[in-house]
Amino acid sequence: MINHATRESLVGARAAVTLPARLTWKDANGAVRFTSVRTSEVTETGAVVECDSAVALPLYRLVHLQIEKAAREWVELPQPLRNGRVLSAVWQVAPCKPATGTPGAYGLRFMTAPASACEPDAAGSARRAS
């Protein structure tokens, strides 16, 4: 599992929720790969996903996270995940499972600005994310 320090670095309100999702990415040869995962925590800026299949993703690999269509109606789901695929980076890899020799979970950081950074301020202009 992802360690306590990693869970604390997820910014924003965390929601411990299990939702079916899919990860897609391109491997080193440019071939499109995908696997089914389930979320264990979701925030405005990232998610922790658990993977049962024998998939090894390196740190900083760009992936697309997409919540399955039937699960997108969950009330607390961040808006970017309701809209479809979200470009994310693998920023944490859990220890390998002995049964498969591959990590059991990945911490993903969304490559989008948090919703609060895009809200207009009093002057009517959008604040910039830093």
C-alpha atoms as a PDB file:
ATOM      1  CA  MET A   1       0.000   0.000   0.000  1.00  0.00           C
ATOM      2  CA  ILE A   2       1.035   3.619  -0.355  1.00  0.00           C
ATOM      3  CA  ASN A   3       2.683   4.842   2.871  1.00  0.00           C
ATOM      4  CA  HIS A   4       1.294   7.396   5.332  1.00  0.00           C
ATOM      5  CA  ALA A   5       3.584  10.228   4.178  1.00  0.00           C
ATOM      6  CA  THR A   6       2.375   9.743   0.613  1.00  0.00           C
ATOM      7  CA  ARG A   7      -1.266   9.837   1.634  1.00  0.00           C
ATOM      8  CA  GLU A   8      -0.640  13.099   3.516  1.00  0.00           C
ATOM      9  CA  SER A   9       0.840  14.689   0.394  1.00  0.00           C
ATOM     10  CA  LEU A  10      -2.454  14.340  -1.480  1.00  0.00           C
ATOM     11  CA  VAL A  11      -3.699  17.928  -1.416  1.00  0.00           C
ATOM     12  CA  GLY A  12      -7.282  18.724  -0.601  1.00  0.00           C
ATOM     13  CA  ALA A  13     -10.125  16.777   0.911  1.00  0.00           C
ATOM     14  CA  ARG A  14      -9.551  13.076   0.519  1.00  0.00           C
ATOM     15  CA  ALA A  15     -12.379  10.705  -0.138  1.00  0.00           C
ATOM     16  CA  ALA A  16     -11.768   7.034   0.575  1.00  0.00           C
ATOM     17  CA  VAL A  17     -13.863   5.466  -2.148  1.00  0.00           C
ATOM     18  CA  THR A  18     -13.603   2.392  -4.311  1.00  0.00           C
ATOM     19  CA  LEU A  19     -14.605   3.134  -7.898  1.00  0.00           C
ATOM     20  CA  PRO A  20     -13.831   1.085 -11.008  1.00  0.00           C
ATOM     21  CA  ALA A  21     -11.524   2.862 -13.417  1.00  0.00           C
ATOM     22  CA  ARG A  22      -9.177   2.324 -16.333  1.00  0.00           C
ATOM     23  CA  LEU A  23      -5.580   3.405 -16.901  1.00  0.00           C
ATOM     24  CA  THR A  24      -4.240   3.863 -20.420  1.00  0.00           C
ATOM     25  CA  TRP A  25      -0.681   4.736 -21.427  1.00  0.00           C
ATOM     26  CA  LYS A  26       1.886   4.237 -24.167  1.00  0.00           C
ATOM     27  CA  ASP A  27       4.767   1.885 -23.465  1.00  0.00           C
ATOM     28  CA  ALA A  28       8.392   2.453 -24.465  1.00  0.00           C
ATOM     29  CA  ASN A  29       7.646   1.191 -28.002  1.00  0.00           C
ATOM     30  CA  GLY A  30       4.675   3.535 -28.462  1.00  0.00           C
ATOM     31  CA  ALA A  31       2.032   0.793 -28.164  1.00  0.00           C
ATOM     32  CA  VAL A  32      -1.127   1.780 -26.283  1.00  0.00           C
ATOM     33  CA  ARG A  33      -1.627  -0.286 -23.108  1.00  0.00           C
ATOM     34  CA  PHE A  34      -4.481  -0.340 -20.626  1.00  0.00           C
ATOM     35  CA  THR A  35      -5.548  -2.044 -17.432  1.00  0.00           C
ATOM     36  CA  SER A  36      -8.528  -2.012 -15.112  1.00  0.00           C
ATOM     37  CA  VAL A  37      -7.941  -0.507 -11.663  1.00  0.00           C
ATOM     38  CA  ARG A  38      -9.994   0.661  -8.695  1.00  0.00           C
ATOM     39  CA  THR A  39      -9.535   3.858  -6.754  1.00  0.00           C
ATOM     40  CA  SER A  40      -8.877   3.749  -3.028  1.00  0.00           C
ATOM     41  CA  GLU A  41      -8.611   7.529  -2.472  1.00  0.00           C
ATOM     42  CA  VAL A  42      -9.555  10.493  -4.644  1.00  0.00           C
ATOM     43  CA  THR A  43      -8.805  14.223  -4.265  1.00  0.00           C
ATOM     44  CA  GLU A  44      -8.999  17.268  -6.534  1.00  0.00           C
ATOM     45  CA  THR A  45      -5.318  16.835  -7.428  1.00  0.00           C
ATOM     46  CA  GLY A  46      -4.753  13.088  -7.519  1.00  0.00           C
ATOM     47  CA  ALA A  47      -5.807   9.560  -6.742  1.00  0.00           C
ATOM     48  CA  VAL A  48      -4.484   6.310  -5.378  1.00  0.00           C
ATOM     49  CA  VAL A  49      -5.377   3.369  -7.597  1.00  0.00           C
ATOM     50  CA  GLU A  50      -5.015  -0.326  -6.869  1.00  0.00           C
ATOM     51  CA  CYS A  51      -4.206  -2.766  -9.626  1.00  0.00           C
ATOM     52  CA  ASP A  52      -4.673  -6.550  -9.402  1.00  0.00           C
ATOM     53  CA  SER A  53      -3.133  -7.364 -12.780  1.00  0.00           C
ATOM     54  CA  ALA A  54       0.612  -7.766 -13.280  1.00  0.00           C
ATOM     55  CA  VAL A  55       1.333  -4.262 -14.572  1.00  0.00           C
ATOM     56  CA  ALA A  56       4.529  -2.377 -13.766  1.00  0.00           C
ATOM     57  CA  LEU A  57       4.435   1.360 -14.415  1.00  0.00           C
ATOM     58  CA  PRO A  58       7.598   3.390 -13.833  1.00  0.00           C
ATOM     59  CA  LEU A  59       7.649   6.607 -11.841  1.00  0.00           C
ATOM     60  CA  TYR A  60       6.647   9.713 -13.785  1.00  0.00           C
ATOM     61  CA  ARG A  61       4.954   7.716 -16.581  1.00  0.00           C
ATOM     62  CA  LEU A  62       2.125   9.746 -18.057  1.00  0.00           C
ATOM     63  CA  VAL A  63      -1.170   7.871 -17.964  1.00  0.00           C
ATOM     64  CA  HIS A  64      -4.828   8.664 -18.506  1.00  0.00           C
ATOM     65  CA  LEU A  65      -7.198   7.820 -15.660  1.00  0.00           C
ATOM     66  CA  GLN A  66     -10.832   7.325 -16.570  1.00  0.00           C
ATOM     67  CA  ILE A  67     -13.550   6.408 -14.089  1.00  0.00           C
ATOM     68  CA  GLU A  68     -15.987   3.856 -15.523  1.00  0.00           C
ATOM     69  CA  LYS A  69     -19.098   5.538 -16.877  1.00  0.00           C
ATOM     70  CA  ALA A  70     -21.511   3.990 -14.366  1.00  0.00           C
ATOM     71  CA  ALA A  71     -19.432   5.300 -11.427  1.00  0.00           C
ATOM     72  CA  ARG A  72     -19.129   8.921 -12.629  1.00  0.00           C
ATOM     73  CA  GLU A  73     -22.359   9.906 -10.888  1.00  0.00           C
ATOM     74  CA  TRP A  74     -20.779   9.673  -7.412  1.00  0.00           C
ATOM     75  CA  VAL A  75     -21.524  12.996  -5.688  1.00  0.00           C
ATOM     76  CA  GLU A  76     -18.019  13.734  -4.335  1.00  0.00           C
ATOM     77  CA  LEU A  77     -16.148  12.831  -7.524  1.00  0.00           C
ATOM     78  CA  PRO A  78     -13.940  15.751  -8.645  1.00  0.00           C
ATOM     79  CA  GLN A  79     -15.184  17.455 -11.804  1.00  0.00           C
ATOM     80  CA  PRO A  80     -12.227  16.512 -14.035  1.00  0.00           C
ATOM     81  CA  LEU A  81     -12.949  12.818 -13.416  1.00  0.00           C
ATOM     82  CA  ARG A  82     -16.626  13.283 -14.269  1.00  0.00           C
ATOM     83  CA  ASN A  83     -15.690  14.685 -17.669  1.00  0.00           C
ATOM     84  CA  GLY A  84     -13.729  11.656 -18.849  1.00  0.00           C
ATOM     85  CA  ARG A  85     -10.015  10.983 -19.117  1.00  0.00           C
ATOM     86  CA  VAL A  86      -7.585  12.913 -16.925  1.00  0.00           C
ATOM     87  CA  LEU A  87      -3.904  13.110 -17.824  1.00  0.00           C
ATOM     88  CA  SER A  88      -1.939  12.025 -14.749  1.00  0.00           C
ATOM     89  CA  ALA A  89       1.618  11.234 -13.744  1.00  0.00           C
ATOM     90  CA  VAL A  90       2.655   8.224 -11.675  1.00  0.00           C
ATOM     91  CA  TRP A  91       4.299   9.870  -8.674  1.00  0.00           C
ATOM     92  CA  GLN A  92       4.303   7.034  -6.133  1.00  0.00           C
ATOM     93  CA  VAL A  93       4.659   3.288  -6.539  1.00  0.00           C
ATOM     94  CA  ALA A  94       3.641   0.880  -3.765  1.00  0.00           C
ATOM     95  CA  PRO A  95       5.858  -2.052  -2.790  1.00  0.00           C
ATOM     96  CA  CYS A  96       5.683  -5.097  -5.052  1.00  0.00           C
ATOM     97  CA  LYS A  97       3.267  -7.916  -4.273  1.00  0.00           C
ATOM     98  CA  PRO A  98       5.030 -11.289  -3.833  1.00  0.00           C
ATOM     99  CA  ALA A  99       2.406 -13.084  -5.935  1.00  0.00           C
ATOM    100  CA  THR A 100       2.957 -10.990  -9.074  1.00  0.00           C
ATOM    101  CA  GLY A 101       6.250  -9.189  -8.487  1.00  0.00           C
ATOM    102  CA  THR A 102       4.598  -5.933  -9.525  1.00  0.00           C
ATOM    103  CA  PRO A 103       3.297  -2.980  -7.486  1.00  0.00           C
ATOM    104  CA  GLY A 104      -0.194  -3.287  -6.078  1.00  0.00           C
ATOM    105  CA  ALA A 105      -0.990   0.429  -6.070  1.00  0.00           C
ATOM    106  CA  TYR A 106       0.039   3.685  -7.689  1.00  0.00           C
ATOM    107  CA  GLY A 107      -0.281   7.290  -6.568  1.00  0.00           C
ATOM    108  CA  LEU A 108      -1.347   9.483  -9.472  1.00  0.00           C
ATOM    109  CA  ARG A 109      -1.045  13.258  -9.663  1.00  0.00           C
ATOM    110  CA  PHE A 110      -3.485  14.935 -12.040  1.00  0.00           C
ATOM    111  CA  MET A 111      -1.818  17.156 -14.629  1.00  0.00           C
ATOM    112  CA  THR A 112      -4.634  19.701 -14.419  1.00  0.00           C
ATOM    113  CA  ALA A 113      -5.033  22.842 -12.331  1.00  0.00           C
ATOM    114  CA  PRO A 114      -7.173  22.360  -9.199  1.00  0.00           C
ATOM    115  CA  ALA A 115     -10.670  23.784  -9.563  1.00  0.00           C
ATOM    116  CA  SER A 116      -9.967  26.416  -6.902  1.00  0.00           C
ATOM    117  CA  ALA A 117      -7.104  27.820  -9.011  1.00  0.00           C
ATOM    118  CA  CYS A 118      -9.467  28.428 -11.918  1.00  0.00           C
ATOM    119  CA  GLU A 119     -12.180  30.267 -10.005  1.00  0.00           C
ATOM    120  CA  PRO A 120     -12.481  33.965 -10.871  1.00  0.00           C
ATOM    121  CA  ASP A 121     -11.361  36.429  -8.203  1.00  0.00           C
ATOM    122  CA  ALA A 122     -13.157  39.652  -7.242  1.00  0.00           C
ATOM    123  CA  ALA A 123     -11.724  41.501 -10.277  1.00  0.00           C
ATOM    124  CA  GLY A 124     -13.186  38.883 -12.591  1.00  0.00           C
ATOM    125  CA  SER A 125      -9.892  37.385 -13.785  1.00  0.00           C
ATOM    126  CA  ALA A 126      -8.941  33.787 -13.135  1.00  0.00           C
ATOM    127  CA  ARG A 127      -6.252  33.174 -10.531  1.00  0.00           C
ATOM    128  CA  ARG A 128      -3.137  31.438 -11.777  1.00  0.00           C
ATOM    129  CA  ALA A 129      -2.062  28.129 -10.300  1.00  0.00           C
ATOM    130  CA  SER A 130       1.431  28.267  -8.866  1.00  0.00           C
END
